Amino acid sequence: MKPTLVVLAAGMGSRYGGLKQIDPMGPAGETILDYSVFDCLRAGFGKVVFIIRPDFESAFRDRVVRRFAGRIDTDLAFQTLDHLPAGFTLPAGREKPWGTTHAILCARDAVTTPFAVINADDFYGRDSFAVLARRLTGQPADTTEYSMVGFTLKNTLSDHGTVTRGVCRTDARGFLADIQELSGVRRTGSGVECAGPDGPLQLTGEEPVSMNFWGFTPRIFPQLDAEFQAFLATHGGEMKSECYIPTTVGSLVKQGQATCEVLRTTSPWFGATYAEDKPVVQASLAALVQQGEYPANLWG
């Protein structure tokens, strides 16, 4: 059974200043997402589920989904604020999305096979998809042995502002032991730092980080539901609280409810967090085309 690719595409890109999921980046007008779907196809994935907001469904279908007609099975799942577990209601005045754990839960009805999860606006590279596809293909649908593709922190930063990163600690076998969501991460003259409760904290830059490239099975959905309910019980009344998937997976690992192997990849990572990142992304994609890694026109 072929694995499914689940794409987190519901964000509007507030720091970027627009709907970056459908912003042309490649030499023939391709989006970063086009490259992800191209890579998932040649890695052997059989379906793509896009998690989006209902208000840009029409634009997303026209400018993204139609490109893949006849190439791979596609489906849409919608992340809405009022999509909550039984017993919980949307707090008055809440406008911010609930986070990536909630987003994945919104795709529950569309996923029946082992699946990967990615961000729509991150470039992960051919080898990353191949590595994770090998891990997911033939995996039992009821196992709680999960995985993630890890990248090196210093190679995932923007020169134009701070970012949030899930910094990982692994055991001797290469399995996730702990993951911490750090905000305000940026380069400094001496290395890398992040925001801490009492001021900046220093990092080496060599730490493995999650870039939201995960490998799961459908068995995770009831686990996510339980973790999200616990989050809502504690933080549901806050207007800007978010339930992040790295934190949720870290919690499952600590509780002994799951394992998560950190997979190594030779692929580069890059993304467009800020509008100023776009020329860097365009140059990086053009270089990969020049090297023969991708055709000049993905769908031509």
Protein backbone atom coordinates (compact mmCIF):
# COMPACT_ATOMS: atom_id res chain seq x y z
CA MET A 1 0.00 0.00 0.00
CA LYS A 2 1.44 3.35 -1.05
CA PRO A 3 1.89 6.03 1.64
CA THR A 4 -0.02 9.32 1.67
CA LEU A 5 1.46 12.82 1.78
CA VAL A 6 -0.34 15.28 4.06
CA VAL A 7 0.47 18.93 3.37
CA LEU A 8 0.02 21.64 6.00
CA ALA A 9 -1.15 24.57 3.86
CA ALA A 10 -3.70 26.41 6.01
CA GLY A 11 -1.52 29.34 7.06
CA MET A 12 -1.71 32.69 5.30
CA GLY A 13 1.96 33.55 5.89
CA SER A 14 1.62 36.63 8.09
CA ARG A 15 5.37 37.27 8.30
CA TYR A 16 5.82 36.63 4.57
CA GLY A 17 3.06 39.06 3.65
CA GLY A 18 0.87 36.91 1.44
CA LEU A 19 -0.27 33.45 0.42
CA LYS A 20 3.22 32.01 -0.04
CA GLN A 21 1.87 28.49 -0.64
CA ILE A 22 0.93 29.56 -4.20
CA ASP A 23 3.74 32.07 -4.82
CA PRO A 24 5.81 31.16 -7.94
CA MET A 25 9.40 30.26 -7.07
CA GLY A 26 10.70 27.91 -9.78
CA PRO A 27 11.98 28.85 -13.27
CA ALA A 28 8.64 27.89 -14.90
CA GLY A 29 6.49 29.44 -12.19
CA GLU A 30 6.46 26.41 -9.87
CA THR A 31 5.68 26.80 -6.19
CA ILE A 32 7.76 25.11 -3.50
CA LEU A 33 4.79 22.79 -3.10
CA ASP A 34 5.12 21.72 -6.74
CA TYR A 35 8.60 20.41 -5.97
CA SER A 36 7.33 18.52 -2.93
CA VAL A 37 4.60 16.80 -4.94
CA PHE A 38 7.08 16.04 -7.74
CA ASP A 39 9.44 14.47 -5.21
CA CYS A 40 6.68 12.49 -3.50
CA LEU A 41 5.58 11.09 -6.87
CA ARG A 42 9.01 9.76 -7.75
CA ALA A 43 9.42 8.43 -4.20
CA GLY A 44 6.29 6.30 -4.59
CA PHE A 45 3.56 8.11 -2.65
CA GLY A 46 0.04 7.36 -3.85
CA LYS A 47 -2.07 10.26 -2.58
CA VAL A 48 -1.75 13.88 -1.43
CA VAL A 49 -4.07 15.50 1.13
CA PHE A 50 -3.87 19.30 1.38
CA ILE A 51 -4.99 20.86 4.65
CA ILE A 52 -6.25 24.36 3.87
CA ARG A 53 -8.67 27.01 5.10
CA PRO A 54 -12.09 27.05 3.43
CA ASP A 55 -11.79 30.72 2.45
CA PHE A 56 -9.06 30.11 -0.13
CA GLU A 57 -10.33 26.78 -1.48
CA SER A 58 -11.17 28.20 -4.91
CA ALA A 59 -7.75 29.82 -5.43
CA PHE A 60 -5.96 26.74 -4.12
CA ARG A 61 -7.85 24.38 -6.42
CA ASP A 62 -7.22 26.61 -9.42
CA ARG A 63 -3.56 27.42 -8.83
CA VAL A 64 -2.34 24.25 -7.10
CA VAL A 65 -4.55 21.16 -7.21
CA ARG A 66 -5.35 21.33 -10.92
CA ARG A 67 -1.63 20.89 -11.73
CA PHE A 68 -1.76 17.36 -10.36
CA ALA A 69 -4.88 16.12 -12.16
CA GLY A 70 -4.16 12.69 -13.65
CA ARG A 71 -0.79 12.47 -11.87
CA ILE A 72 -1.75 11.53 -8.31
CA ASP A 73 -4.91 11.16 -6.23
CA THR A 74 -5.65 14.39 -4.32
CA ASP A 75 -8.00 15.41 -1.53
CA LEU A 76 -8.65 18.51 0.56
CA ALA A 77 -9.16 18.75 4.32
CA PHE A 78 -10.24 21.95 6.00
CA GLN A 79 -8.85 23.42 9.20
CA THR A 80 -11.44 25.55 10.97
CA LEU A 81 -11.40 27.01 14.46
CA ASP A 82 -14.64 25.30 15.47
CA HIS A 83 -13.46 21.80 14.47
CA LEU A 84 -13.06 20.71 18.11
CA PRO A 85 -13.49 17.49 20.10
CA ALA A 86 -16.84 16.82 21.75
CA GLY A 87 -17.26 18.81 24.93
CA PHE A 88 -15.18 21.80 23.80
CA THR A 89 -16.42 25.05 22.25
CA LEU A 90 -14.66 27.90 20.50
CA PRO A 91 -13.84 30.73 22.92
CA ALA A 92 -15.39 34.07 22.01
CA GLY A 93 -12.84 36.25 20.21
CA ARG A 94 -10.49 33.43 19.23
CA GLU A 95 -9.03 34.10 15.74
CA LYS A 96 -5.67 32.31 15.76
CA PRO A 97 -5.52 28.70 14.44
CA TRP A 98 -5.01 25.95 17.01
CA GLY A 99 -1.68 24.77 15.58
CA THR A 100 -0.25 21.85 13.64
CA THR A 101 -1.53 19.05 15.91
CA HIS A 102 -5.07 20.31 15.30
CA ALA A 103 -4.38 20.69 11.57
CA ILE A 104 -3.36 17.04 11.20
CA LEU A 105 -6.44 15.95 13.14
CA CYS A 106 -8.56 17.80 10.57
CA ALA A 107 -7.26 15.37 7.90
CA ARG A 108 -8.26 12.28 9.87
CA ASP A 109 -11.09 11.20 7.55
CA ALA A 110 -8.93 11.52 4.43
CA VAL A 111 -6.00 9.31 5.54
CA THR A 112 -6.11 5.50 5.70
CA THR A 113 -2.45 4.54 5.07
CA PRO A 114 0.90 5.34 6.70
CA PHE A 115 1.55 8.98 5.88
CA ALA A 116 4.08 11.79 5.78
CA VAL A 117 3.39 15.34 6.97
CA ILE A 118 5.12 18.40 5.51
CA ASN A 119 4.80 22.18 5.45
CA ALA A 120 3.58 23.60 2.14
CA ASP A 121 6.21 26.34 2.09
CA ASP A 122 9.33 24.31 2.92
CA PHE A 123 11.62 22.63 0.40
CA TYR A 124 12.78 19.23 1.65
CA GLY A 125 14.50 17.67 -1.35
CA ARG A 126 14.40 14.42 -3.28
CA ASP A 127 16.43 12.29 -0.86
CA SER A 128 14.25 13.28 2.11
CA PHE A 129 11.12 11.97 0.39
CA ALA A 130 12.90 8.80 -0.72
CA VAL A 131 14.19 8.10 2.79
CA LEU A 132 10.78 8.56 4.40
CA ALA A 133 8.93 6.67 1.66
CA ARG A 134 11.16 3.63 2.27
CA ARG A 135 10.33 3.84 5.96
CA LEU A 136 6.56 4.14 5.40
CA THR A 137 6.03 1.68 2.54
CA GLY A 138 4.74 -1.60 3.88
CA GLN A 139 4.56 -0.30 7.46
CA PRO A 140 1.60 -1.69 9.45
CA ALA A 141 -1.20 0.85 9.77
CA ASP A 142 -1.59 0.22 13.50
CA THR A 143 2.01 0.63 14.66
CA THR A 144 3.09 3.50 16.92
CA GLU A 145 6.64 3.41 15.53
CA TYR A 146 6.84 6.85 13.95
CA SER A 147 9.66 8.77 12.27
CA MET A 148 10.86 12.21 11.26
CA VAL A 149 13.43 13.62 8.87
CA GLY A 150 15.93 15.70 10.84
CA PHE A 151 17.87 18.72 9.58
CA THR A 152 20.78 20.69 11.09
CA LEU A 153 19.64 23.83 12.94
CA LYS A 154 22.19 26.24 11.46
CA ASN A 155 21.09 25.26 7.94
CA THR A 156 17.43 26.10 8.56
CA LEU A 157 17.64 29.77 9.60
CA SER A 158 16.59 32.94 7.80
CA ASP A 159 18.87 35.94 7.32
CA HIS A 160 15.83 38.22 7.53
CA GLY A 161 14.29 37.53 10.94
CA THR A 162 13.73 35.01 13.71
CA VAL A 163 12.12 31.59 13.31
CA THR A 164 10.61 28.88 15.52
CA ARG A 165 12.29 25.48 15.52
CA GLY A 166 11.67 22.10 17.16
CA VAL A 167 15.12 21.27 18.55
CA CYS A 168 15.64 17.53 19.09
CA ARG A 169 17.71 15.34 21.39
CA THR A 170 18.30 11.76 20.23
CA ASP A 171 19.43 8.62 22.02
CA ALA A 172 22.33 6.37 21.01
CA ARG A 173 20.11 4.51 18.51
CA GLY A 174 19.06 7.68 16.71
CA PHE A 175 15.56 7.76 18.18
CA LEU A 176 13.94 10.92 19.47
CA ALA A 177 14.43 11.35 23.21
CA ASP A 178 13.10 14.88 23.59
CA ILE A 179 11.99 17.80 21.45
CA GLN A 180 11.63 21.41 22.50
CA GLU A 181 9.86 24.10 20.50
CA LEU A 182 12.13 27.17 20.62
CA SER A 183 11.08 30.60 19.37
CA GLY A 184 13.09 33.67 18.40
CA VAL A 185 15.84 31.53 16.86
CA ARG A 186 18.39 33.52 14.89
CA ARG A 187 22.03 33.68 13.84
CA THR A 188 24.43 35.81 15.85
CA GLY A 189 28.04 36.81 15.38
CA SER A 190 29.13 33.89 17.53
CA GLY A 191 26.57 31.23 16.55
CA VAL A 192 22.86 30.78 17.17
CA GLU A 193 20.55 31.94 19.93
CA CYS A 194 16.89 31.63 20.86
CA ALA A 195 14.49 33.37 23.20
CA GLY A 196 14.51 32.14 26.80
CA PRO A 197 12.42 32.97 29.86
CA ASP A 198 15.20 35.16 31.28
CA GLY A 199 16.84 36.33 28.07
CA PRO A 200 18.56 34.82 25.01
CA LEU A 201 19.86 31.25 25.21
CA GLN A 202 22.94 30.15 23.26
CA LEU A 203 22.86 27.14 20.91
CA THR A 204 25.62 25.43 18.93
CA GLY A 205 23.74 25.42 15.62
CA GLU A 206 24.53 21.73 15.13
CA GLU A 207 21.39 20.53 16.91
CA PRO A 208 19.03 18.31 14.89
CA VAL A 209 15.70 20.02 14.31
CA SER A 210 12.27 19.04 13.11
CA MET A 211 11.12 20.92 10.03
CA ASN A 212 7.69 19.26 10.25
CA PHE A 213 8.61 16.36 7.99
CA TRP A 214 7.04 13.47 9.89
CA GLY A 215 6.20 9.83 9.24
CA PHE A 216 3.06 8.53 10.98
CA THR A 217 0.43 5.82 10.75
CA PRO A 218 -3.33 6.25 11.28
CA ARG A 219 -2.76 4.96 14.80
CA ILE A 220 -1.59 8.46 15.74
CA PHE A 221 -5.00 10.08 15.25
CA PRO A 222 -6.56 8.92 18.55
CA GLN A 223 -3.29 9.84 20.27
CA LEU A 224 -3.37 13.33 18.76
CA ASP A 225 -7.00 13.66 19.79
CA ALA A 226 -6.17 12.83 23.42
CA GLU A 227 -3.19 15.20 23.46
CA PHE A 228 -5.22 17.99 21.87
CA GLN A 229 -8.00 17.56 24.42
CA ALA A 230 -5.44 17.82 27.22
CA PHE A 231 -4.09 20.98 25.58
CA LEU A 232 -7.56 22.49 25.33
CA ALA A 233 -8.31 21.70 28.96
CA THR A 234 -5.20 23.65 30.00
CA HIS A 235 -4.76 26.33 27.34
CA GLY A 236 -8.03 26.39 25.39
CA GLY A 237 -9.14 29.68 26.92
CA GLU A 238 -6.01 31.52 25.74
CA MET A 239 -6.42 33.57 22.60
CA LYS A 240 -3.02 32.75 21.03
CA SER A 241 -2.15 29.29 22.36
CA GLU A 242 -1.14 26.68 19.77
CA CYS A 243 -0.71 22.92 19.98
CA TYR A 244 2.42 22.11 17.96
CA ILE A 245 3.02 18.65 16.51
CA PRO A 246 6.69 18.51 17.64
CA THR A 247 5.58 19.11 21.24
CA THR A 248 2.82 16.52 20.89
CA VAL A 249 5.16 13.85 19.49
CA GLY A 250 7.67 14.65 22.21
CA SER A 251 4.96 14.11 24.80
CA LEU A 252 3.98 10.74 23.30
CA VAL A 253 7.62 9.63 23.33
CA LYS A 254 8.14 10.70 26.94
CA GLN A 255 5.00 8.83 28.00
CA GLY A 256 6.17 5.67 26.24
CA GLN A 257 3.17 5.72 23.90
CA ALA A 258 5.29 5.94 20.74
CA THR A 259 8.81 5.85 19.33
CA CYS A 260 10.15 8.22 16.69
CA GLU A 261 13.23 7.42 14.63
CA VAL A 262 15.17 10.47 13.41
CA LEU A 263 16.10 9.76 9.78
CA ARG A 264 19.16 11.28 8.14
CA THR A 265 19.04 12.86 4.69
CA THR A 266 21.51 14.31 2.21
CA SER A 267 18.91 16.78 0.91
CA PRO A 268 19.16 20.52 1.51
CA TRP A 269 16.35 22.38 3.26
CA PHE A 270 15.21 25.91 2.53
CA GLY A 271 12.02 27.88 2.92
CA ALA A 272 10.36 31.28 2.59
CA THR A 273 9.55 32.58 6.04
CA TYR A 274 9.93 36.23 5.03
CA ALA A 275 9.39 37.97 1.68
CA GLU A 276 13.13 38.70 1.61
CA ASP A 277 13.79 34.94 1.51
CA LYS A 278 12.18 34.59 -1.93
CA PRO A 279 15.29 35.46 -4.04
CA VAL A 280 17.32 32.92 -2.04
CA VAL A 281 14.73 30.22 -2.67
CA GLN A 282 14.56 31.08 -6.38
CA ALA A 283 18.35 30.93 -6.71
CA SER A 284 18.51 27.62 -4.83
CA LEU A 285 15.87 26.05 -7.08
CA ALA A 286 17.58 27.37 -10.21
CA ALA A 287 20.86 25.81 -9.05
CA LEU A 288 19.18 22.42 -8.51
CA VAL A 289 17.69 22.61 -12.01
CA GLN A 290 21.13 23.46 -13.40
CA GLN A 291 22.57 20.43 -11.60
CA GLY A 292 19.98 18.18 -13.24
CA GLU A 293 18.14 17.39 -10.01
CA TYR A 294 14.87 18.72 -11.50
CA PRO A 295 13.63 19.50 -15.01
CA ALA A 296 13.38 23.16 -15.97
CA ASN A 297 9.59 22.75 -16.20
CA LEU A 298 8.26 20.22 -13.67
CA TRP A 299 4.94 19.60 -15.36
CA GLY A 300 5.78 20.53 -18.96
